[in-house]
Amino acid sequence: MARKPVTPALHGLVDYGFGIVNLAVPALLGLTGSARVVPAAWAVTKGTLNALTAQR
């Protein structure tokens, strides 16, 4: 069986990291309106899904 390149723990860290990036970067770039709301909504949705699953 082939070794998987991404472990479950690393996958969880990447997911949470992208959530933080989705929350922080639009604010750092000074974006407003939907350009700021859409990434924030995605981050909250993805973070909620990660928190409710058996993912690390």
N, C-alpha and C. Protein backbone atom coordinates (compact mmCIF):
# COMPACT_ATOMS: atom_id res chain seq x y z
N MET A 1 0.84 -1.18 0.00
CA MET A 1 0.00 0.00 0.00
C MET A 1 0.89 1.24 0.00
N ALA A 2 0.56 2.21 -0.83
CA ALA A 2 1.36 3.43 -0.95
C ALA A 2 1.17 4.32 0.27
N ARG A 3 2.24 5.00 0.62
CA ARG A 3 2.19 5.94 1.75
C ARG A 3 1.49 7.21 1.30
N LYS A 4 0.58 7.70 2.12
CA LYS A 4 -0.16 8.91 1.77
C LYS A 4 0.72 10.13 2.03
N PRO A 5 0.71 11.11 1.12
CA PRO A 5 1.58 12.27 1.28
C PRO A 5 1.14 13.24 2.39
N VAL A 6 -0.13 13.21 2.73
CA VAL A 6 -0.65 14.13 3.76
C VAL A 6 -1.32 13.30 4.85
N THR A 7 -0.84 13.45 6.07
CA THR A 7 -1.44 12.73 7.18
C THR A 7 -2.74 13.42 7.60
N PRO A 8 -3.61 12.73 8.32
CA PRO A 8 -4.84 13.38 8.80
C PRO A 8 -4.56 14.60 9.68
N ALA A 9 -3.52 14.52 10.50
CA ALA A 9 -3.19 15.66 11.37
C ALA A 9 -2.75 16.87 10.53
N LEU A 10 -1.93 16.64 9.52
CA LEU A 10 -1.48 17.73 8.65
C LEU A 10 -2.66 18.30 7.87
N HIS A 11 -3.55 17.44 7.43
CA HIS A 11 -4.73 17.89 6.70
C HIS A 11 -5.57 18.82 7.57
N GLY A 12 -5.75 18.48 8.83
CA GLY A 12 -6.48 19.33 9.75
C GLY A 12 -5.80 20.67 9.95
N LEU A 13 -4.49 20.66 10.10
CA LEU A 13 -3.75 21.92 10.26
C LEU A 13 -3.88 22.80 9.02
N VAL A 14 -3.82 22.19 7.86
CA VAL A 14 -3.97 22.96 6.61
C VAL A 14 -5.36 23.57 6.53
N ASP A 15 -6.39 22.79 6.87
CA ASP A 15 -7.76 23.30 6.84
C ASP A 15 -7.93 24.49 7.78
N TYR A 16 -7.47 24.35 9.01
CA TYR A 16 -7.60 25.45 9.96
C TYR A 16 -6.75 26.65 9.55
N GLY A 17 -5.58 26.37 8.97
CA GLY A 17 -4.72 27.45 8.49
C GLY A 17 -5.38 28.26 7.38
N PHE A 18 -6.01 27.56 6.42
CA PHE A 18 -6.72 28.27 5.37
C PHE A 18 -7.89 29.07 5.93
N GLY A 19 -8.52 28.57 6.97
CA GLY A 19 -9.60 29.33 7.61
C GLY A 19 -9.08 30.64 8.18
N ILE A 20 -7.95 30.57 8.85
CA ILE A 20 -7.35 31.78 9.41
C ILE A 20 -6.96 32.75 8.30
N VAL A 21 -6.40 32.22 7.22
CA VAL A 21 -6.03 33.07 6.08
C VAL A 21 -7.27 33.72 5.49
N ASN A 22 -8.36 32.96 5.35
CA ASN A 22 -9.60 33.52 4.80
C ASN A 22 -10.18 34.61 5.68
N LEU A 23 -9.94 34.56 6.97
CA LEU A 23 -10.41 35.61 7.85
C LEU A 23 -9.48 36.82 7.86
N ALA A 24 -8.18 36.58 7.82
CA ALA A 24 -7.22 37.66 8.02
C ALA A 24 -6.88 38.45 6.75
N VAL A 25 -6.67 37.77 5.64
CA VAL A 25 -6.16 38.45 4.44
C VAL A 25 -7.11 39.53 3.90
N PRO A 26 -8.41 39.28 3.80
CA PRO A 26 -9.28 40.37 3.31
C PRO A 26 -9.21 41.62 4.19
N ALA A 27 -9.10 41.42 5.50
CA ALA A 27 -8.98 42.58 6.39
C ALA A 27 -7.64 43.28 6.19
N LEU A 28 -6.58 42.50 6.04
CA LEU A 28 -5.25 43.09 5.83
C LEU A 28 -5.17 43.84 4.50
N LEU A 29 -5.90 43.39 3.51
CA LEU A 29 -5.90 44.06 2.21
C LEU A 29 -6.87 45.23 2.15
N GLY A 30 -7.64 45.41 3.22
CA GLY A 30 -8.59 46.52 3.26
C GLY A 30 -9.82 46.31 2.40
N LEU A 31 -10.16 45.07 2.12
CA LEU A 31 -11.34 44.79 1.32
C LEU A 31 -12.61 45.07 2.12
N THR A 32 -13.69 45.38 1.41
CA THR A 32 -14.96 45.66 2.06
C THR A 32 -16.08 44.91 1.34
N GLY A 33 -17.24 44.94 1.93
CA GLY A 33 -18.42 44.34 1.31
C GLY A 33 -18.30 42.84 1.14
N SER A 34 -18.82 42.37 0.00
CA SER A 34 -18.86 40.94 -0.23
C SER A 34 -17.46 40.34 -0.41
N ALA A 35 -16.49 41.17 -0.82
CA ALA A 35 -15.12 40.68 -0.94
C ALA A 35 -14.53 40.31 0.41
N ARG A 36 -15.12 40.79 1.47
CA ARG A 36 -14.67 40.45 2.82
C ARG A 36 -15.60 39.42 3.48
N VAL A 37 -16.90 39.50 3.15
CA VAL A 37 -17.88 38.62 3.78
C VAL A 37 -17.80 37.19 3.26
N VAL A 38 -17.61 37.02 1.96
CA VAL A 38 -17.61 35.68 1.37
C VAL A 38 -16.48 34.82 1.94
N PRO A 39 -15.22 35.29 1.97
CA PRO A 39 -14.17 34.46 2.57
C PRO A 39 -14.42 34.19 4.07
N ALA A 40 -14.99 35.15 4.78
CA ALA A 40 -15.28 34.94 6.20
C ALA A 40 -16.36 33.87 6.37
N ALA A 41 -17.38 33.91 5.53
CA ALA A 41 -18.43 32.89 5.60
C ALA A 41 -17.87 31.51 5.28
N TRP A 42 -16.99 31.45 4.29
CA TRP A 42 -16.36 30.17 3.93
C TRP A 42 -15.52 29.66 5.10
N ALA A 43 -14.77 30.55 5.75
CA ALA A 43 -13.92 30.15 6.87
C ALA A 43 -14.76 29.61 8.03
N VAL A 44 -15.85 30.28 8.33
CA VAL A 44 -16.72 29.84 9.42
C VAL A 44 -17.37 28.49 9.07
N THR A 45 -17.83 28.35 7.83
CA THR A 45 -18.44 27.09 7.40
C THR A 45 -17.45 25.95 7.47
N LYS A 46 -16.26 26.15 6.93
CA LYS A 46 -15.24 25.10 6.91
C LYS A 46 -14.78 24.78 8.33
N GLY A 47 -14.61 25.80 9.16
CA GLY A 47 -14.20 25.58 10.55
C GLY A 47 -15.25 24.79 11.32
N THR A 48 -16.52 25.09 11.07
CA THR A 48 -17.60 24.35 11.73
C THR A 48 -17.61 22.89 11.29
N LEU A 49 -17.46 22.68 9.98
CA LEU A 49 -17.42 21.29 9.49
C LEU A 49 -16.24 20.53 10.08
N ASN A 50 -15.08 21.16 10.16
CA ASN A 50 -13.92 20.51 10.74
C ASN A 50 -14.13 20.19 12.22
N ALA A 51 -14.75 21.11 12.93
CA ALA A 51 -14.96 20.91 14.36
C ALA A 51 -15.98 19.80 14.64
N LEU A 52 -16.92 19.60 13.72
CA LEU A 52 -17.97 18.61 13.94
C LEU A 52 -17.66 17.23 13.39
N THR A 53 -16.54 17.09 12.71
CA THR A 53 -16.16 15.78 12.17
C THR A 53 -15.06 15.17 13.05
N ALA A 54 -14.68 13.96 12.72
CA ALA A 54 -13.66 13.25 13.49
C ALA A 54 -12.25 13.64 13.05
N GLN A 55 -12.16 14.72 12.30
CA GLN A 55 -10.85 15.18 11.83
C GLN A 55 -10.06 15.80 12.98
N ARG A 56 -8.75 15.62 12.95
CA ARG A 56 -7.91 16.17 14.02
C ARG A 56 -7.76 17.65 13.89
